[in-house]
Amino acid sequence: MFYVTFLSAPWLLRDKGHVYVDMVMRMMSPRAKRLNEILVYFLGFGSTAILTYAALYMTWDSYVRMDLETRDFDMPRWLLFLPMTISFFLISLEFLRYLLGHDSMYQDSRSDQL
């Protein structure tokens, strides 16, 4: 369950399946909406980049120390941190793609297919 949660999060962001408050976005002017989007993309990228670094550090530290997770069964602890590192890295790339690209994560891609 841990792996599925972390490794599906980047796909969810890419597929625009996340939850946001549509009512607030509809009440904004086009300029305010665009500024809000840029702010969200920038904060999303910055926070996930920091989380990527922290998860990478914990993964590497656990690998070097050869820490074991012994709750249910013995396994290397770095295997718990690895999906977080991968997930946060991919999420930060998605936010960077939105920040630098022309696509908006607030436009529903599924409504275009109907």
N, C-alpha and C. Protein backbone atom coordinates (compact mmCIF):
# COMPACT_ATOMS: atom_id res chain seq x y z
N MET A 1 0.82 -1.19 0.00
CA MET A 1 0.00 0.00 0.00
C MET A 1 0.87 1.25 0.00
N PHE A 2 1.96 1.21 0.71
CA PHE A 2 2.89 2.33 0.79
C PHE A 2 3.46 2.64 -0.60
N TYR A 3 3.90 1.61 -1.31
CA TYR A 3 4.47 1.79 -2.64
C TYR A 3 3.43 2.31 -3.62
N VAL A 4 2.24 1.75 -3.57
CA VAL A 4 1.18 2.17 -4.50
C VAL A 4 0.81 3.64 -4.28
N THR A 5 0.73 4.05 -3.04
CA THR A 5 0.39 5.44 -2.74
C THR A 5 1.42 6.41 -3.30
N PHE A 6 2.67 6.15 -3.03
CA PHE A 6 3.72 7.07 -3.48
C PHE A 6 3.94 7.00 -4.98
N LEU A 7 3.94 5.82 -5.54
CA LEU A 7 4.27 5.70 -6.95
C LEU A 7 3.11 6.06 -7.87
N SER A 8 1.89 6.16 -7.35
CA SER A 8 0.77 6.59 -8.19
C SER A 8 0.56 8.11 -8.14
N ALA A 9 1.14 8.79 -7.19
CA ALA A 9 0.95 10.24 -7.04
C ALA A 9 1.43 11.04 -8.26
N PRO A 10 2.59 10.75 -8.85
CA PRO A 10 2.99 11.51 -10.05
C PRO A 10 2.03 11.30 -11.22
N TRP A 11 1.54 10.08 -11.37
CA TRP A 11 0.59 9.80 -12.45
C TRP A 11 -0.71 10.58 -12.22
N LEU A 12 -1.15 10.66 -10.97
CA LEU A 12 -2.37 11.39 -10.64
C LEU A 12 -2.24 12.86 -11.01
N LEU A 13 -1.08 13.46 -10.73
CA LEU A 13 -0.86 14.86 -11.09
C LEU A 13 -0.79 15.02 -12.60
N ARG A 14 -0.13 14.11 -13.27
CA ARG A 14 -0.02 14.20 -14.73
C ARG A 14 -1.37 14.02 -15.42
N ASP A 15 -2.20 13.16 -14.85
CA ASP A 15 -3.53 12.88 -15.42
C ASP A 15 -4.57 13.93 -14.99
N LYS A 16 -4.15 14.89 -14.18
CA LYS A 16 -5.02 15.96 -13.67
C LYS A 16 -6.18 15.39 -12.87
N GLY A 17 -5.88 14.39 -12.07
CA GLY A 17 -6.90 13.75 -11.25
C GLY A 17 -6.90 14.25 -9.82
N HIS A 18 -6.17 15.31 -9.55
CA HIS A 18 -6.09 15.88 -8.21
C HIS A 18 -7.36 16.67 -7.89
N VAL A 19 -7.50 17.04 -6.65
CA VAL A 19 -8.67 17.79 -6.19
C VAL A 19 -8.25 19.25 -5.98
N TYR A 20 -9.07 20.18 -6.47
CA TYR A 20 -8.86 21.59 -6.20
C TYR A 20 -10.22 22.26 -6.11
N VAL A 21 -10.23 23.48 -5.60
CA VAL A 21 -11.49 24.19 -5.39
C VAL A 21 -11.82 24.95 -6.67
N ASP A 22 -12.70 24.39 -7.48
CA ASP A 22 -13.09 24.96 -8.76
C ASP A 22 -13.83 26.27 -8.57
N MET A 23 -14.61 26.38 -7.50
CA MET A 23 -15.41 27.57 -7.26
C MET A 23 -14.52 28.81 -7.11
N VAL A 24 -13.42 28.67 -6.41
CA VAL A 24 -12.51 29.79 -6.21
C VAL A 24 -11.86 30.19 -7.53
N MET A 25 -11.45 29.21 -8.32
CA MET A 25 -10.81 29.51 -9.60
C MET A 25 -11.78 30.18 -10.58
N ARG A 26 -13.04 29.81 -10.53
CA ARG A 26 -14.03 30.41 -11.44
C ARG A 26 -14.31 31.87 -11.09
N MET A 27 -14.16 32.24 -9.82
CA MET A 27 -14.44 33.62 -9.40
C MET A 27 -13.28 34.56 -9.71
N MET A 28 -12.12 34.03 -10.08
CA MET A 28 -10.95 34.87 -10.34
C MET A 28 -10.96 35.39 -11.78
N SER A 29 -10.34 36.55 -11.93
CA SER A 29 -10.15 37.08 -13.28
C SER A 29 -9.09 36.22 -13.98
N PRO A 30 -9.02 36.27 -15.30
CA PRO A 30 -8.02 35.47 -16.01
C PRO A 30 -6.58 35.76 -15.56
N ARG A 31 -6.29 37.03 -15.30
CA ARG A 31 -4.93 37.40 -14.85
C ARG A 31 -4.66 36.84 -13.46
N ALA A 32 -5.61 36.97 -12.54
CA ALA A 32 -5.44 36.44 -11.18
C ALA A 32 -5.35 34.93 -11.20
N LYS A 33 -6.12 34.31 -12.09
CA LYS A 33 -6.07 32.85 -12.21
C LYS A 33 -4.68 32.40 -12.66
N ARG A 34 -4.13 33.10 -13.66
CA ARG A 34 -2.79 32.73 -14.16
C ARG A 34 -1.73 32.95 -13.10
N LEU A 35 -1.81 34.06 -12.36
CA LEU A 35 -0.84 34.31 -11.29
C LEU A 35 -0.96 33.26 -10.20
N ASN A 36 -2.18 32.86 -9.88
CA ASN A 36 -2.39 31.81 -8.89
C ASN A 36 -1.79 30.48 -9.36
N GLU A 37 -1.98 30.17 -10.64
CA GLU A 37 -1.41 28.94 -11.20
C GLU A 37 0.11 28.95 -11.09
N ILE A 38 0.73 30.05 -11.47
CA ILE A 38 2.19 30.15 -11.40
C ILE A 38 2.67 29.99 -9.97
N LEU A 39 1.97 30.61 -9.02
CA LEU A 39 2.33 30.48 -7.62
C LEU A 39 2.21 29.03 -7.15
N VAL A 40 1.12 28.37 -7.52
CA VAL A 40 0.92 26.96 -7.14
C VAL A 40 2.01 26.09 -7.75
N TYR A 41 2.32 26.29 -9.03
CA TYR A 41 3.35 25.49 -9.69
C TYR A 41 4.72 25.72 -9.03
N PHE A 42 5.03 26.97 -8.74
CA PHE A 42 6.31 27.29 -8.12
C PHE A 42 6.42 26.68 -6.72
N LEU A 43 5.37 26.85 -5.91
CA LEU A 43 5.38 26.27 -4.57
C LEU A 43 5.39 24.74 -4.61
N GLY A 44 4.65 24.17 -5.55
CA GLY A 44 4.64 22.72 -5.70
C GLY A 44 6.01 22.20 -6.08
N PHE A 45 6.65 22.86 -7.05
CA PHE A 45 7.99 22.44 -7.46
C PHE A 45 8.99 22.60 -6.33
N GLY A 46 8.96 23.74 -5.66
CA GLY A 46 9.92 23.99 -4.58
C GLY A 46 9.77 23.01 -3.43
N SER A 47 8.54 22.77 -3.01
CA SER A 47 8.33 21.87 -1.87
C SER A 47 8.67 20.43 -2.23
N THR A 48 8.31 19.98 -3.43
CA THR A 48 8.64 18.60 -3.78
C THR A 48 10.13 18.43 -4.08
N ALA A 49 10.79 19.49 -4.53
CA ALA A 49 12.24 19.41 -4.71
C ALA A 49 12.93 19.25 -3.36
N ILE A 50 12.46 19.97 -2.37
CA ILE A 50 13.03 19.84 -1.01
C ILE A 50 12.74 18.45 -0.46
N LEU A 51 11.52 17.95 -0.66
CA LEU A 51 11.18 16.61 -0.20
C LEU A 51 11.98 15.54 -0.94
N THR A 52 12.26 15.77 -2.22
CA THR A 52 13.11 14.84 -2.98
C THR A 52 14.49 14.76 -2.37
N TYR A 53 15.06 15.93 -2.06
CA TYR A 53 16.39 15.96 -1.45
C TYR A 53 16.39 15.23 -0.10
N ALA A 54 15.38 15.50 0.73
CA ALA A 54 15.30 14.87 2.05
C ALA A 54 15.13 13.36 1.92
N ALA A 55 14.28 12.92 1.02
CA ALA A 55 14.06 11.48 0.83
C ALA A 55 15.31 10.81 0.26
N LEU A 56 15.99 11.50 -0.65
CA LEU A 56 17.22 10.95 -1.20
C LEU A 56 18.29 10.83 -0.12
N TYR A 57 18.39 11.84 0.73
CA TYR A 57 19.34 11.79 1.83
C TYR A 57 19.03 10.62 2.78
N MET A 58 17.75 10.46 3.14
CA MET A 58 17.37 9.36 4.04
C MET A 58 17.61 8.00 3.39
N THR A 59 17.33 7.91 2.09
CA THR A 59 17.56 6.65 1.38
C THR A 59 19.04 6.30 1.38
N TRP A 60 19.87 7.27 1.02
CA TRP A 60 21.31 7.04 0.97
C TRP A 60 21.88 6.74 2.35
N ASP A 61 21.45 7.49 3.34
CA ASP A 61 21.94 7.29 4.71
C ASP A 61 21.56 5.89 5.22
N SER A 62 20.35 5.46 4.96
CA SER A 62 19.92 4.12 5.37
C SER A 62 20.69 3.04 4.63
N TYR A 63 20.99 3.30 3.36
CA TYR A 63 21.74 2.33 2.57
C TYR A 63 23.17 2.20 3.10
N VAL A 64 23.81 3.33 3.37
CA VAL A 64 25.19 3.32 3.85
C VAL A 64 25.28 2.68 5.23
N ARG A 65 24.34 2.98 6.09
CA ARG A 65 24.34 2.42 7.46
C ARG A 65 23.85 0.97 7.50
N MET A 66 23.26 0.51 6.41
CA MET A 66 22.65 -0.82 6.34
C MET A 66 21.60 -1.01 7.43
N ASP A 67 20.77 0.03 7.60
CA ASP A 67 19.68 -0.03 8.58
C ASP A 67 18.65 -1.07 8.15
N LEU A 68 18.06 -1.70 9.13
CA LEU A 68 17.01 -2.69 8.88
C LEU A 68 15.70 -2.21 9.47
N GLU A 69 14.63 -2.46 8.76
CA GLU A 69 13.28 -2.23 9.26
C GLU A 69 12.80 -3.56 9.81
N THR A 70 12.46 -3.58 11.09
CA THR A 70 12.17 -4.87 11.75
C THR A 70 10.77 -4.93 12.35
N ARG A 71 9.85 -4.14 11.86
CA ARG A 71 8.49 -4.17 12.43
C ARG A 71 7.79 -5.49 12.13
N ASP A 72 7.57 -5.79 10.87
CA ASP A 72 6.88 -7.02 10.51
C ASP A 72 7.87 -8.11 10.11
N PHE A 73 8.79 -7.75 9.28
CA PHE A 73 9.86 -8.66 8.88
C PHE A 73 11.08 -7.83 8.54
N ASP A 74 12.24 -8.45 8.57
CA ASP A 74 13.47 -7.71 8.33
C ASP A 74 13.62 -7.38 6.85
N MET A 75 13.86 -6.11 6.60
CA MET A 75 14.12 -5.65 5.23
C MET A 75 14.96 -4.39 5.33
N PRO A 76 15.74 -4.10 4.31
CA PRO A 76 16.53 -2.87 4.34
C PRO A 76 15.62 -1.64 4.40
N ARG A 77 15.95 -0.72 5.29
CA ARG A 77 15.12 0.48 5.46
C ARG A 77 15.11 1.37 4.23
N TRP A 78 16.19 1.34 3.45
CA TRP A 78 16.24 2.20 2.27
C TRP A 78 15.17 1.83 1.26
N LEU A 79 14.69 0.58 1.32
CA LEU A 79 13.60 0.19 0.42
C LEU A 79 12.28 0.90 0.76
N LEU A 80 12.16 1.38 1.99
CA LEU A 80 10.98 2.18 2.35
C LEU A 80 11.09 3.61 1.85
N PHE A 81 12.31 4.13 1.82
CA PHE A 81 12.51 5.51 1.39
C PHE A 81 12.61 5.66 -0.13
N LEU A 82 12.94 4.59 -0.83
CA LEU A 82 13.12 4.67 -2.27
C LEU A 82 11.87 5.13 -3.02
N PRO A 83 10.67 4.59 -2.74
CA PRO A 83 9.50 5.10 -3.49
C PRO A 83 9.20 6.57 -3.21
N MET A 84 9.52 7.04 -2.01
CA MET A 84 9.32 8.47 -1.71
C MET A 84 10.24 9.31 -2.58
N THR A 85 11.50 8.89 -2.71
CA THR A 85 12.46 9.62 -3.52
C THR A 85 12.01 9.68 -4.97
N ILE A 86 11.63 8.55 -5.51
CA ILE A 86 11.19 8.50 -6.91
C ILE A 86 9.92 9.34 -7.10
N SER A 87 8.97 9.19 -6.21
CA SER A 87 7.70 9.90 -6.33
C SER A 87 7.88 11.41 -6.25
N PHE A 88 8.59 11.88 -5.24
CA PHE A 88 8.77 13.32 -5.10
C PHE A 88 9.55 13.91 -6.27
N PHE A 89 10.52 13.14 -6.79
CA PHE A 89 11.27 13.61 -7.95
C PHE A 89 10.36 13.76 -9.17
N LEU A 90 9.54 12.73 -9.42
CA LEU A 90 8.63 12.79 -10.57
C LEU A 90 7.57 13.89 -10.41
N ILE A 91 7.08 14.08 -9.19
CA ILE A 91 6.11 15.15 -8.95
C ILE A 91 6.74 16.52 -9.19
N SER A 92 7.98 16.69 -8.75
CA SER A 92 8.66 17.98 -8.98
C SER A 92 8.86 18.22 -10.47
N LEU A 93 9.14 17.15 -11.24
CA LEU A 93 9.25 17.31 -12.69
C LEU A 93 7.90 17.71 -13.31
N GLU A 94 6.82 17.15 -12.80
CA GLU A 94 5.50 17.52 -13.31
C GLU A 94 5.19 18.99 -13.02
N PHE A 95 5.48 19.44 -11.81
CA PHE A 95 5.25 20.86 -11.50
C PHE A 95 6.13 21.75 -12.36
N LEU A 96 7.37 21.33 -12.60
CA LEU A 96 8.26 22.11 -13.46
C LEU A 96 7.73 22.13 -14.90
N ARG A 97 7.17 21.02 -15.36
CA ARG A 97 6.57 20.95 -16.69
C ARG A 97 5.41 21.93 -16.81
N TYR A 98 4.57 21.99 -15.77
CA TYR A 98 3.46 22.95 -15.78
C TYR A 98 3.98 24.39 -15.70
N LEU A 99 5.01 24.61 -14.91
CA LEU A 99 5.55 25.96 -14.73
C LEU A 99 6.16 26.49 -16.02
N LEU A 100 6.88 25.65 -16.74
CA LEU A 100 7.57 26.09 -17.95
C LEU A 100 6.75 25.89 -19.23
N GLY A 101 5.72 25.09 -19.16
CA GLY A 101 4.95 24.76 -20.36
C GLY A 101 3.73 25.62 -20.55
N HIS A 102 2.92 25.22 -21.50
CA HIS A 102 1.69 25.94 -21.82
C HIS A 102 0.46 25.24 -21.30
N ASP A 103 0.63 24.06 -20.74
CA ASP A 103 -0.48 23.28 -20.21
C ASP A 103 -0.85 23.78 -18.82
N SER A 104 -2.09 23.61 -18.47
CA SER A 104 -2.56 23.99 -17.14
C SER A 104 -3.10 22.77 -16.43
N MET A 105 -2.73 22.60 -15.17
CA MET A 105 -3.24 21.45 -14.44
C MET A 105 -4.70 21.68 -14.02
N TYR A 106 -5.22 22.87 -14.25
CA TYR A 106 -6.60 23.16 -13.90
C TYR A 106 -7.57 22.91 -15.05
N GLN A 107 -7.05 22.65 -16.24
CA GLN A 107 -7.92 22.30 -17.36
C GLN A 107 -8.09 20.79 -17.35
N ASP A 108 -9.31 20.35 -17.34
CA ASP A 108 -9.59 18.92 -17.25
C ASP A 108 -9.33 18.26 -18.60
N SER A 109 -8.36 17.37 -18.64
CA SER A 109 -8.02 16.68 -19.88
C SER A 109 -9.10 15.69 -20.26
N ARG A 110 -9.87 15.19 -19.28
CA ARG A 110 -10.91 14.22 -19.59
C ARG A 110 -12.11 14.84 -20.28
N SER A 111 -12.36 16.14 -20.03
CA SER A 111 -13.51 16.78 -20.69
C SER A 111 -13.23 16.99 -22.18
N ASP A 112 -11.94 17.05 -22.57
CA ASP A 112 -11.59 17.19 -23.97
C ASP A 112 -11.87 15.90 -24.74
N GLN A 113 -11.89 14.77 -24.04
CA GLN A 113 -12.06 13.50 -24.69
C GLN A 113 -13.54 13.14 -24.88
N LEU A 114 -14.44 13.85 -24.24
CA LEU A 114 -15.87 13.52 -24.34
C LEU A 114 -16.48 14.00 -25.64
